[in-house]
Amino acid sequence: MLSRLIGVFTLSAGTFEEIEHDEGATGQAALVVTLVAVAAAIGSGALAAFSGGSIIGGVISAILSAFIGWVLWSGVVYLVGTSMFGGQATMGEMLRVIGFAQAPQLLGLIPCIGSLIGLIWSIAAGFVAVKAGLDLDTGKAIATILIGFVVVLAVNCVLAMIFGGGAAMFSAFTGG
């Protein structure tokens, strides 16, 4: 697994191809997502503690968001890439490569600049993952990511309206 993480950090398309075809790597991808989620949970919990919010709520939210985001992004990219651009992959393959592409977000543990560097690096790794995982050329991989981003953004907005509105209504009724 360490050699795969090094390959992800070096943006090796060969590493992503290897991950894509190794069905046993799904658990490893889930482990990467878990580690990123725990790192985010630590940050969310600390932020909640400093702002007077719920530490447990921040931790649970970060962990749930990481896994929901992983599955949602993998599914959308899979559907867009295969149906619109002729990409060749299974949902399992996309879960594996997208899961591993999140590894650079672990740099968020480095104070100040680590989160920004990790995010940028993870975006680059995500591009390599989509390109390799779906066997697409550069243009189709970029289009898949851009269309996927718009779809995920729309889904997140709808969910925010549903759950945000629900929270506002709950607050109004409880006086909170």
N, C-alpha and C. Protein backbone atom coordinates (compact mmCIF):
# COMPACT_ATOMS: atom_id res chain seq x y z
N MET A 1 0.83 -1.20 0.00
CA MET A 1 0.00 0.00 0.00
C MET A 1 0.87 1.26 0.00
N LEU A 2 1.99 1.21 0.70
CA LEU A 2 2.88 2.37 0.74
C LEU A 2 3.36 2.74 -0.65
N SER A 3 3.72 1.72 -1.46
CA SER A 3 4.19 2.03 -2.82
C SER A 3 3.06 2.66 -3.64
N ARG A 4 1.83 2.25 -3.39
CA ARG A 4 0.70 2.86 -4.10
C ARG A 4 0.52 4.32 -3.68
N LEU A 5 0.66 4.58 -2.39
CA LEU A 5 0.53 5.96 -1.92
C LEU A 5 1.62 6.84 -2.51
N ILE A 6 2.82 6.31 -2.60
CA ILE A 6 3.91 7.05 -3.24
C ILE A 6 3.56 7.31 -4.70
N GLY A 7 3.03 6.30 -5.38
CA GLY A 7 2.60 6.48 -6.77
C GLY A 7 1.52 7.53 -6.92
N VAL A 8 0.59 7.58 -5.97
CA VAL A 8 -0.46 8.61 -6.00
C VAL A 8 0.16 9.98 -5.82
N PHE A 9 1.06 10.11 -4.86
CA PHE A 9 1.70 11.41 -4.62
C PHE A 9 2.58 11.85 -5.78
N THR A 10 3.11 10.91 -6.54
CA THR A 10 3.92 11.27 -7.71
C THR A 10 3.07 11.35 -8.97
N LEU A 11 1.75 11.18 -8.82
CA LEU A 11 0.79 11.27 -9.91
C LEU A 11 1.08 10.27 -11.03
N SER A 12 1.45 9.07 -10.63
CA SER A 12 1.78 8.01 -11.58
C SER A 12 0.52 7.37 -12.15
N ALA A 13 0.32 7.54 -13.46
CA ALA A 13 -0.84 6.92 -14.11
C ALA A 13 -0.78 5.40 -13.98
N GLY A 14 0.42 4.85 -14.01
CA GLY A 14 0.58 3.40 -13.85
C GLY A 14 0.08 2.91 -12.50
N THR A 15 0.31 3.69 -11.47
CA THR A 15 -0.19 3.33 -10.14
C THR A 15 -1.71 3.31 -10.14
N PHE A 16 -2.32 4.32 -10.75
CA PHE A 16 -3.78 4.35 -10.80
C PHE A 16 -4.33 3.21 -11.64
N GLU A 17 -3.64 2.83 -12.70
CA GLU A 17 -4.06 1.67 -13.51
C GLU A 17 -4.00 0.40 -12.66
N GLU A 18 -2.94 0.26 -11.88
CA GLU A 18 -2.79 -0.91 -11.00
C GLU A 18 -3.91 -0.96 -9.97
N ILE A 19 -4.20 0.18 -9.36
CA ILE A 19 -5.27 0.27 -8.36
C ILE A 19 -6.61 -0.06 -9.01
N GLU A 20 -6.83 0.47 -10.19
CA GLU A 20 -8.09 0.25 -10.91
C GLU A 20 -8.37 -1.24 -11.09
N HIS A 21 -7.36 -2.00 -11.46
CA HIS A 21 -7.56 -3.40 -11.81
C HIS A 21 -7.47 -4.36 -10.62
N ASP A 22 -7.06 -3.88 -9.46
CA ASP A 22 -6.92 -4.74 -8.28
C ASP A 22 -8.17 -4.65 -7.42
N GLU A 23 -9.06 -5.63 -7.57
CA GLU A 23 -10.31 -5.59 -6.79
C GLU A 23 -10.05 -5.62 -5.29
N GLY A 24 -8.92 -6.15 -4.88
CA GLY A 24 -8.56 -6.16 -3.47
C GLY A 24 -8.19 -4.79 -2.93
N ALA A 25 -8.01 -3.83 -3.82
CA ALA A 25 -7.61 -2.48 -3.40
C ALA A 25 -8.79 -1.63 -2.93
N THR A 26 -10.01 -2.15 -3.04
CA THR A 26 -11.17 -1.37 -2.60
C THR A 26 -11.08 -1.10 -1.10
N GLY A 27 -10.69 -2.08 -0.33
CA GLY A 27 -10.51 -1.89 1.11
C GLY A 27 -9.42 -0.88 1.41
N GLN A 28 -8.34 -0.92 0.62
CA GLN A 28 -7.27 0.05 0.80
C GLN A 28 -7.76 1.46 0.48
N ALA A 29 -8.56 1.59 -0.57
CA ALA A 29 -9.12 2.89 -0.92
C ALA A 29 -10.01 3.40 0.21
N ALA A 30 -10.81 2.50 0.78
CA ALA A 30 -11.66 2.88 1.91
C ALA A 30 -10.81 3.30 3.11
N LEU A 31 -9.67 2.65 3.30
CA LEU A 31 -8.76 3.04 4.37
C LEU A 31 -8.20 4.44 4.14
N VAL A 32 -7.85 4.74 2.91
CA VAL A 32 -7.36 6.09 2.59
C VAL A 32 -8.45 7.12 2.90
N VAL A 33 -9.67 6.84 2.46
CA VAL A 33 -10.79 7.76 2.75
C VAL A 33 -10.99 7.89 4.25
N THR A 34 -10.86 6.79 4.98
CA THR A 34 -11.01 6.82 6.43
C THR A 34 -9.94 7.70 7.07
N LEU A 35 -8.70 7.55 6.64
CA LEU A 35 -7.61 8.37 7.19
C LEU A 35 -7.83 9.85 6.91
N VAL A 36 -8.25 10.15 5.68
CA VAL A 36 -8.55 11.55 5.33
C VAL A 36 -9.72 12.05 6.17
N ALA A 37 -10.74 11.19 6.36
CA ALA A 37 -11.91 11.57 7.16
C ALA A 37 -11.52 11.83 8.61
N VAL A 38 -10.66 10.99 9.16
CA VAL A 38 -10.21 11.18 10.54
C VAL A 38 -9.42 12.49 10.67
N ALA A 39 -8.57 12.77 9.69
CA ALA A 39 -7.82 14.03 9.71
C ALA A 39 -8.78 15.22 9.65
N ALA A 40 -9.79 15.12 8.78
CA ALA A 40 -10.78 16.19 8.69
C ALA A 40 -11.59 16.29 9.97
N ALA A 41 -11.90 15.13 10.56
CA ALA A 41 -12.67 15.11 11.81
C ALA A 41 -11.91 15.78 12.94
N ILE A 42 -10.60 15.56 12.98
CA ILE A 42 -9.77 16.21 14.01
C ILE A 42 -9.87 17.72 13.84
N GLY A 43 -9.75 18.17 12.59
CA GLY A 43 -9.85 19.60 12.31
C GLY A 43 -11.23 20.15 12.62
N SER A 44 -12.27 19.42 12.23
CA SER A 44 -13.64 19.87 12.49
C SER A 44 -13.94 19.90 13.98
N GLY A 45 -13.48 18.87 14.69
CA GLY A 45 -13.69 18.82 16.13
C GLY A 45 -12.98 19.97 16.83
N ALA A 46 -11.75 20.24 16.41
CA ALA A 46 -10.99 21.35 17.02
C ALA A 46 -11.66 22.68 16.73
N LEU A 47 -12.11 22.85 15.48
CA LEU A 47 -12.80 24.10 15.13
C LEU A 47 -14.08 24.25 15.94
N ALA A 48 -14.83 23.16 16.10
CA ALA A 48 -16.06 23.21 16.89
C ALA A 48 -15.75 23.55 18.34
N ALA A 49 -14.66 23.01 18.87
CA ALA A 49 -14.29 23.28 20.26
C ALA A 49 -13.96 24.75 20.47
N PHE A 50 -13.26 25.34 19.49
CA PHE A 50 -12.90 26.75 19.61
C PHE A 50 -14.08 27.69 19.37
N SER A 51 -15.04 27.24 18.58
CA SER A 51 -16.17 28.12 18.25
C SER A 51 -17.40 27.86 19.13
N GLY A 52 -17.27 26.94 20.07
CA GLY A 52 -18.37 26.66 20.97
C GLY A 52 -19.41 25.71 20.40
N GLY A 53 -19.10 25.07 19.28
CA GLY A 53 -20.02 24.11 18.66
C GLY A 53 -19.85 22.73 19.25
N SER A 54 -20.55 21.79 18.67
CA SER A 54 -20.50 20.41 19.13
C SER A 54 -19.29 19.69 18.53
N ILE A 55 -18.38 19.26 19.39
CA ILE A 55 -17.20 18.53 18.92
C ILE A 55 -17.63 17.23 18.26
N ILE A 56 -18.51 16.50 18.91
CA ILE A 56 -18.97 15.22 18.36
C ILE A 56 -19.69 15.44 17.04
N GLY A 57 -20.50 16.47 16.96
CA GLY A 57 -21.19 16.80 15.72
C GLY A 57 -20.22 17.11 14.60
N GLY A 58 -19.16 17.85 14.91
CA GLY A 58 -18.14 18.17 13.91
C GLY A 58 -17.42 16.94 13.42
N VAL A 59 -17.09 16.04 14.33
CA VAL A 59 -16.39 14.80 13.97
C VAL A 59 -17.29 13.91 13.12
N ILE A 60 -18.52 13.71 13.55
CA ILE A 60 -19.45 12.85 12.81
C ILE A 60 -19.71 13.44 11.42
N SER A 61 -19.91 14.73 11.36
CA SER A 61 -20.16 15.40 10.09
C SER A 61 -18.99 15.22 9.13
N ALA A 62 -17.78 15.37 9.63
CA ALA A 62 -16.60 15.24 8.77
C ALA A 62 -16.47 13.82 8.23
N ILE A 63 -16.70 12.83 9.08
CA ILE A 63 -16.57 11.43 8.65
C ILE A 63 -17.66 11.08 7.65
N LEU A 64 -18.90 11.44 7.95
CA LEU A 64 -19.99 11.16 7.02
C LEU A 64 -19.78 11.87 5.69
N SER A 65 -19.36 13.12 5.74
CA SER A 65 -19.13 13.88 4.52
C SER A 65 -18.06 13.24 3.65
N ALA A 66 -17.01 12.72 4.27
CA ALA A 66 -15.93 12.10 3.51
C ALA A 66 -16.43 10.88 2.74
N PHE A 67 -17.20 10.04 3.41
CA PHE A 67 -17.67 8.81 2.75
C PHE A 67 -18.78 9.09 1.74
N ILE A 68 -19.69 9.97 2.08
CA ILE A 68 -20.74 10.32 1.12
C ILE A 68 -20.13 11.00 -0.10
N GLY A 69 -19.20 11.90 0.14
CA GLY A 69 -18.52 12.58 -0.96
C GLY A 69 -17.76 11.62 -1.86
N TRP A 70 -17.10 10.64 -1.26
CA TRP A 70 -16.34 9.63 -2.03
C TRP A 70 -17.28 8.85 -2.95
N VAL A 71 -18.35 8.36 -2.40
CA VAL A 71 -19.29 7.55 -3.19
C VAL A 71 -20.00 8.41 -4.24
N LEU A 72 -20.44 9.60 -3.85
CA LEU A 72 -21.13 10.49 -4.78
C LEU A 72 -20.23 10.89 -5.94
N TRP A 73 -19.02 11.35 -5.64
CA TRP A 73 -18.10 11.79 -6.69
C TRP A 73 -17.73 10.61 -7.60
N SER A 74 -17.45 9.45 -7.02
CA SER A 74 -17.12 8.27 -7.82
C SER A 74 -18.27 7.90 -8.75
N GLY A 75 -19.49 7.92 -8.22
CA GLY A 75 -20.67 7.56 -9.01
C GLY A 75 -20.94 8.54 -10.14
N VAL A 76 -20.85 9.82 -9.83
CA VAL A 76 -21.11 10.83 -10.86
C VAL A 76 -20.06 10.76 -11.96
N VAL A 77 -18.81 10.68 -11.57
CA VAL A 77 -17.73 10.61 -12.57
C VAL A 77 -17.87 9.33 -13.41
N TYR A 78 -18.22 8.24 -12.75
CA TYR A 78 -18.44 6.98 -13.47
C TYR A 78 -19.56 7.15 -14.51
N LEU A 79 -20.70 7.68 -14.08
CA LEU A 79 -21.84 7.83 -14.99
C LEU A 79 -21.54 8.80 -16.13
N VAL A 80 -20.95 9.94 -15.81
CA VAL A 80 -20.64 10.92 -16.86
C VAL A 80 -19.59 10.35 -17.81
N GLY A 81 -18.53 9.79 -17.25
CA GLY A 81 -17.44 9.29 -18.09
C GLY A 81 -17.83 8.13 -18.99
N THR A 82 -18.64 7.22 -18.47
CA THR A 82 -19.01 6.06 -19.28
C THR A 82 -20.15 6.36 -20.24
N SER A 83 -21.14 7.14 -19.80
CA SER A 83 -22.31 7.37 -20.66
C SER A 83 -22.09 8.49 -21.69
N MET A 84 -21.33 9.50 -21.34
CA MET A 84 -21.16 10.63 -22.25
C MET A 84 -19.89 10.55 -23.08
N PHE A 85 -18.85 9.93 -22.54
CA PHE A 85 -17.56 9.97 -23.22
C PHE A 85 -16.98 8.60 -23.55
N GLY A 86 -17.77 7.56 -23.35
CA GLY A 86 -17.33 6.22 -23.73
C GLY A 86 -16.24 5.63 -22.85
N GLY A 87 -16.11 6.14 -21.65
CA GLY A 87 -15.11 5.60 -20.73
C GLY A 87 -15.41 4.14 -20.39
N GLN A 88 -14.37 3.42 -20.06
CA GLN A 88 -14.49 2.01 -19.73
C GLN A 88 -14.08 1.80 -18.28
N ALA A 89 -15.06 1.51 -17.43
CA ALA A 89 -14.77 1.27 -16.01
C ALA A 89 -15.99 0.66 -15.36
N THR A 90 -15.77 0.16 -14.16
CA THR A 90 -16.88 -0.26 -13.30
C THR A 90 -16.95 0.72 -12.14
N MET A 91 -18.04 0.67 -11.42
CA MET A 91 -18.17 1.54 -10.24
C MET A 91 -17.08 1.20 -9.22
N GLY A 92 -16.78 -0.07 -9.06
CA GLY A 92 -15.72 -0.47 -8.14
C GLY A 92 -14.38 0.12 -8.51
N GLU A 93 -14.08 0.12 -9.80
CA GLU A 93 -12.80 0.71 -10.25
C GLU A 93 -12.75 2.19 -9.94
N MET A 94 -13.87 2.87 -10.15
CA MET A 94 -13.89 4.31 -9.85
C MET A 94 -13.77 4.58 -8.35
N LEU A 95 -14.43 3.76 -7.55
CA LEU A 95 -14.29 3.92 -6.09
C LEU A 95 -12.83 3.77 -5.68
N ARG A 96 -12.14 2.81 -6.26
CA ARG A 96 -10.73 2.58 -5.89
C ARG A 96 -9.84 3.76 -6.28
N VAL A 97 -9.91 4.20 -7.53
CA VAL A 97 -8.99 5.25 -7.96
C VAL A 97 -9.33 6.60 -7.32
N ILE A 98 -10.62 6.89 -7.16
CA ILE A 98 -11.01 8.14 -6.52
C ILE A 98 -10.66 8.12 -5.03
N GLY A 99 -10.83 6.97 -4.40
CA GLY A 99 -10.46 6.85 -2.99
C GLY A 99 -8.99 7.14 -2.77
N PHE A 100 -8.14 6.51 -3.58
CA PHE A 100 -6.70 6.73 -3.45
C PHE A 100 -6.31 8.17 -3.80
N ALA A 101 -7.03 8.78 -4.73
CA ALA A 101 -6.71 10.15 -5.14
C ALA A 101 -6.88 11.16 -4.01
N GLN A 102 -7.58 10.76 -2.96
CA GLN A 102 -7.78 11.65 -1.82
C GLN A 102 -6.57 11.69 -0.87
N ALA A 103 -5.64 10.78 -1.05
CA ALA A 103 -4.49 10.67 -0.14
C ALA A 103 -3.75 11.99 0.11
N PRO A 104 -3.52 12.82 -0.92
CA PRO A 104 -2.81 14.08 -0.63
C PRO A 104 -3.50 15.00 0.37
N GLN A 105 -4.78 14.79 0.60
CA GLN A 105 -5.48 15.62 1.59
C GLN A 105 -4.97 15.37 3.00
N LEU A 106 -4.22 14.30 3.19
CA LEU A 106 -3.60 14.06 4.49
C LEU A 106 -2.60 15.15 4.84
N LEU A 107 -2.13 15.88 3.84
CA LEU A 107 -1.22 16.99 4.10
C LEU A 107 -1.90 18.09 4.91
N GLY A 108 -3.23 18.03 4.99
CA GLY A 108 -3.97 18.99 5.80
C GLY A 108 -3.59 18.95 7.27
N LEU A 109 -2.92 17.88 7.69
CA LEU A 109 -2.44 17.81 9.07
C LEU A 109 -1.29 18.79 9.33
N ILE A 110 -0.67 19.27 8.26
CA ILE A 110 0.40 20.26 8.39
C ILE A 110 -0.27 21.63 8.59
N PRO A 111 0.04 22.30 9.68
CA PRO A 111 -0.62 23.58 9.96
C PRO A 111 -0.43 24.61 8.84
N CYS A 112 -1.38 25.48 8.74
CA CYS A 112 -1.42 26.63 7.84
C CYS A 112 -1.62 26.25 6.37
N ILE A 113 -0.59 25.85 5.70
CA ILE A 113 -0.63 25.68 4.25
C ILE A 113 -0.92 24.24 3.81
N GLY A 114 -0.86 23.30 4.73
CA GLY A 114 -1.02 21.88 4.37
C GLY A 114 -2.34 21.57 3.70
N SER A 115 -3.42 22.16 4.17
CA SER A 115 -4.74 21.90 3.58
C SER A 115 -4.82 22.37 2.14
N LEU A 116 -4.29 23.55 1.86
CA LEU A 116 -4.31 24.08 0.50
C LEU A 116 -3.46 23.23 -0.44
N ILE A 117 -2.27 22.89 0.00
CA ILE A 117 -1.39 22.06 -0.83
C ILE A 117 -2.04 20.69 -1.05
N GLY A 118 -2.59 20.11 0.00
CA GLY A 118 -3.25 18.81 -0.11
C GLY A 118 -4.43 18.84 -1.06
N LEU A 119 -5.22 19.91 -1.00
CA LEU A 119 -6.37 20.04 -1.89
C LEU A 119 -5.93 20.13 -3.35
N ILE A 120 -4.96 20.97 -3.63
CA ILE A 120 -4.48 21.13 -5.01
C ILE A 120 -3.88 19.82 -5.52
N TRP A 121 -3.08 19.18 -4.68
CA TRP A 121 -2.45 17.91 -5.06
C TRP A 121 -3.51 16.83 -5.27
N SER A 122 -4.54 16.84 -4.45
CA SER A 122 -5.62 15.87 -4.57
C SER A 122 -6.42 16.09 -5.85
N ILE A 123 -6.60 17.34 -6.24
CA ILE A 123 -7.28 17.63 -7.51
C ILE A 123 -6.47 17.07 -8.68
N ALA A 124 -5.15 17.29 -8.63
CA ALA A 124 -4.29 16.75 -9.69
C ALA A 124 -4.34 15.22 -9.70
N ALA A 125 -4.30 14.61 -8.52
CA ALA A 125 -4.38 13.14 -8.43
C ALA A 125 -5.74 12.66 -8.93
N GLY A 126 -6.80 13.41 -8.63
CA GLY A 126 -8.13 13.07 -9.10
C GLY A 126 -8.23 13.09 -10.61
N PHE A 127 -7.57 14.05 -11.23
CA PHE A 127 -7.54 14.11 -12.70
C PHE A 127 -6.86 12.87 -13.27
N VAL A 128 -5.70 12.52 -12.72
CA VAL A 128 -4.98 11.33 -13.18
C VAL A 128 -5.84 10.08 -12.94
N ALA A 129 -6.51 10.04 -11.80
CA ALA A 129 -7.37 8.90 -11.47
C ALA A 129 -8.51 8.75 -12.47
N VAL A 130 -9.18 9.85 -12.79
CA VAL A 130 -10.30 9.81 -13.74
C VAL A 130 -9.81 9.42 -15.12
N LYS A 131 -8.72 10.02 -15.54
CA LYS A 131 -8.17 9.72 -16.87
C LYS A 131 -7.78 8.25 -16.98
N ALA A 132 -7.07 7.75 -15.97
CA ALA A 132 -6.62 6.35 -16.00
C ALA A 132 -7.77 5.39 -15.72
N GLY A 133 -8.61 5.73 -14.77
CA GLY A 133 -9.69 4.83 -14.38
C GLY A 133 -10.73 4.63 -15.46
N LEU A 134 -10.99 5.65 -16.24
CA LEU A 134 -11.99 5.56 -17.30
C LEU A 134 -11.37 5.34 -18.68
N ASP A 135 -10.04 5.34 -18.74
CA ASP A 135 -9.32 5.18 -20.01
C ASP A 135 -9.74 6.25 -21.01
N LEU A 136 -9.70 7.50 -20.56
CA LEU A 136 -10.09 8.64 -21.39
C LEU A 136 -8.88 9.45 -21.80
N ASP A 137 -9.00 10.19 -22.91
CA ASP A 137 -7.94 11.13 -23.26
C ASP A 137 -8.09 12.37 -22.37
N THR A 138 -7.13 13.27 -22.46
CA THR A 138 -7.10 14.43 -21.57
C THR A 138 -8.36 15.29 -21.69
N GLY A 139 -8.79 15.59 -22.90
CA GLY A 139 -9.96 16.43 -23.09
C GLY A 139 -11.23 15.83 -22.50
N LYS A 140 -11.42 14.54 -22.74
CA LYS A 140 -12.61 13.88 -22.21
C LYS A 140 -12.55 13.76 -20.69
N ALA A 141 -11.35 13.58 -20.15
CA ALA A 141 -11.21 13.51 -18.69
C ALA A 141 -11.54 14.87 -18.07
N ILE A 142 -11.07 15.95 -18.69
CA ILE A 142 -11.38 17.29 -18.19
C ILE A 142 -12.88 17.55 -18.27
N ALA A 143 -13.50 17.19 -19.40
CA ALA A 143 -14.94 17.40 -19.56
C ALA A 143 -15.72 16.58 -18.53
N THR A 144 -15.29 15.34 -18.30
CA THR A 144 -15.94 14.48 -17.30
C THR A 144 -15.88 15.13 -15.92
N ILE A 145 -14.73 15.64 -15.56
CA ILE A 145 -14.56 16.28 -14.25
C ILE A 145 -15.40 17.55 -14.14
N LEU A 146 -15.39 18.37 -15.18
CA LEU A 146 -16.16 19.62 -15.13
C LEU A 146 -17.67 19.35 -15.06
N ILE A 147 -18.16 18.45 -15.89
CA ILE A 147 -19.59 18.12 -15.84
C ILE A 147 -19.92 17.47 -14.50
N GLY A 148 -19.06 16.57 -14.05
CA GLY A 148 -19.25 15.93 -12.75
C GLY A 148 -19.30 16.93 -11.62
N PHE A 149 -18.43 17.93 -11.69
CA PHE A 149 -18.39 18.97 -10.66
C PHE A 149 -19.72 19.73 -10.61
N VAL A 150 -20.24 20.08 -11.79
CA VAL A 150 -21.52 20.80 -11.84
C VAL A 150 -22.65 19.94 -11.26
N VAL A 151 -22.65 18.66 -11.60
CA VAL A 151 -23.69 17.75 -11.09
C VAL A 151 -23.58 17.63 -9.57
N VAL A 152 -22.38 17.40 -9.06
CA VAL A 152 -22.20 17.26 -7.60
C VAL A 152 -22.55 18.57 -6.90
N LEU A 153 -22.19 19.69 -7.48
CA LEU A 153 -22.54 20.98 -6.90
C LEU A 153 -24.06 21.13 -6.82
N ALA A 154 -24.75 20.76 -7.89
CA ALA A 154 -26.22 20.84 -7.90
C ALA A 154 -26.82 19.93 -6.83
N VAL A 155 -26.30 18.71 -6.72
CA VAL A 155 -26.80 17.77 -5.71
C VAL A 155 -26.57 18.35 -4.31
N ASN A 156 -25.38 18.90 -4.09
CA ASN A 156 -25.08 19.50 -2.78
C ASN A 156 -26.00 20.68 -2.47
N CYS A 157 -26.31 21.49 -3.48
CA CYS A 157 -27.23 22.62 -3.26
C CYS A 157 -28.62 22.13 -2.89
N VAL A 158 -29.09 21.12 -3.60
CA VAL A 158 -30.41 20.57 -3.29
C VAL A 158 -30.42 20.00 -1.87
N LEU A 159 -29.38 19.25 -1.52
CA LEU A 159 -29.32 18.68 -0.17
C LEU A 159 -29.24 19.78 0.89
N ALA A 160 -28.50 20.83 0.59
CA ALA A 160 -28.40 21.95 1.55
C ALA A 160 -29.75 22.62 1.72
N MET A 161 -30.50 22.75 0.63
CA MET A 161 -31.83 23.36 0.74
C MET A 161 -32.76 22.47 1.56
N ILE A 162 -32.67 21.16 1.31
CA ILE A 162 -33.54 20.24 2.04
C ILE A 162 -33.16 20.20 3.51
N PHE A 163 -31.89 19.93 3.78
CA PHE A 163 -31.46 19.78 5.18
C PHE A 163 -31.27 21.12 5.86
N GLY A 164 -30.81 22.12 5.12
CA GLY A 164 -30.68 23.46 5.69
C GLY A 164 -32.04 24.03 6.04
N GLY A 165 -32.99 23.83 5.12
CA GLY A 165 -34.36 24.29 5.36
C GLY A 165 -34.98 23.56 6.52
N GLY A 166 -34.71 22.28 6.59
CA GLY A 166 -35.23 21.47 7.71
C GLY A 166 -34.67 21.95 9.03
N ALA A 167 -33.40 22.30 9.05
CA ALA A 167 -32.78 22.79 10.29
C ALA A 167 -33.36 24.15 10.66
N ALA A 168 -33.60 24.98 9.65
CA ALA A 168 -34.18 26.30 9.92
C ALA A 168 -35.59 26.17 10.48
N MET A 169 -36.38 25.25 9.88
CA MET A 169 -37.73 25.05 10.38
C MET A 169 -37.72 24.51 11.80
N PHE A 170 -36.81 23.55 12.07
CA PHE A 170 -36.69 22.99 13.41
C PHE A 170 -36.34 24.09 14.40
N SER A 171 -35.42 24.95 14.00
CA SER A 171 -35.01 26.06 14.85
C SER A 171 -36.17 27.00 15.14
N ALA A 172 -36.97 27.27 14.10
CA ALA A 172 -38.09 28.18 14.26
C ALA A 172 -39.13 27.62 15.23
N PHE A 173 -39.37 26.31 15.14
CA PHE A 173 -40.37 25.69 16.01
C PHE A 173 -39.88 25.48 17.43
N THR A 174 -38.58 25.33 17.59
CA THR A 174 -38.07 25.07 18.95
C THR A 174 -37.54 26.34 19.60
N GLY A 175 -37.51 27.42 18.84
CA GLY A 175 -37.03 28.67 19.40
C GLY A 175 -35.51 28.70 19.50
N GLY A 176 -34.84 27.77 18.83
CA GLY A 176 -33.38 27.66 18.91
C GLY A 176 -32.69 28.43 17.91
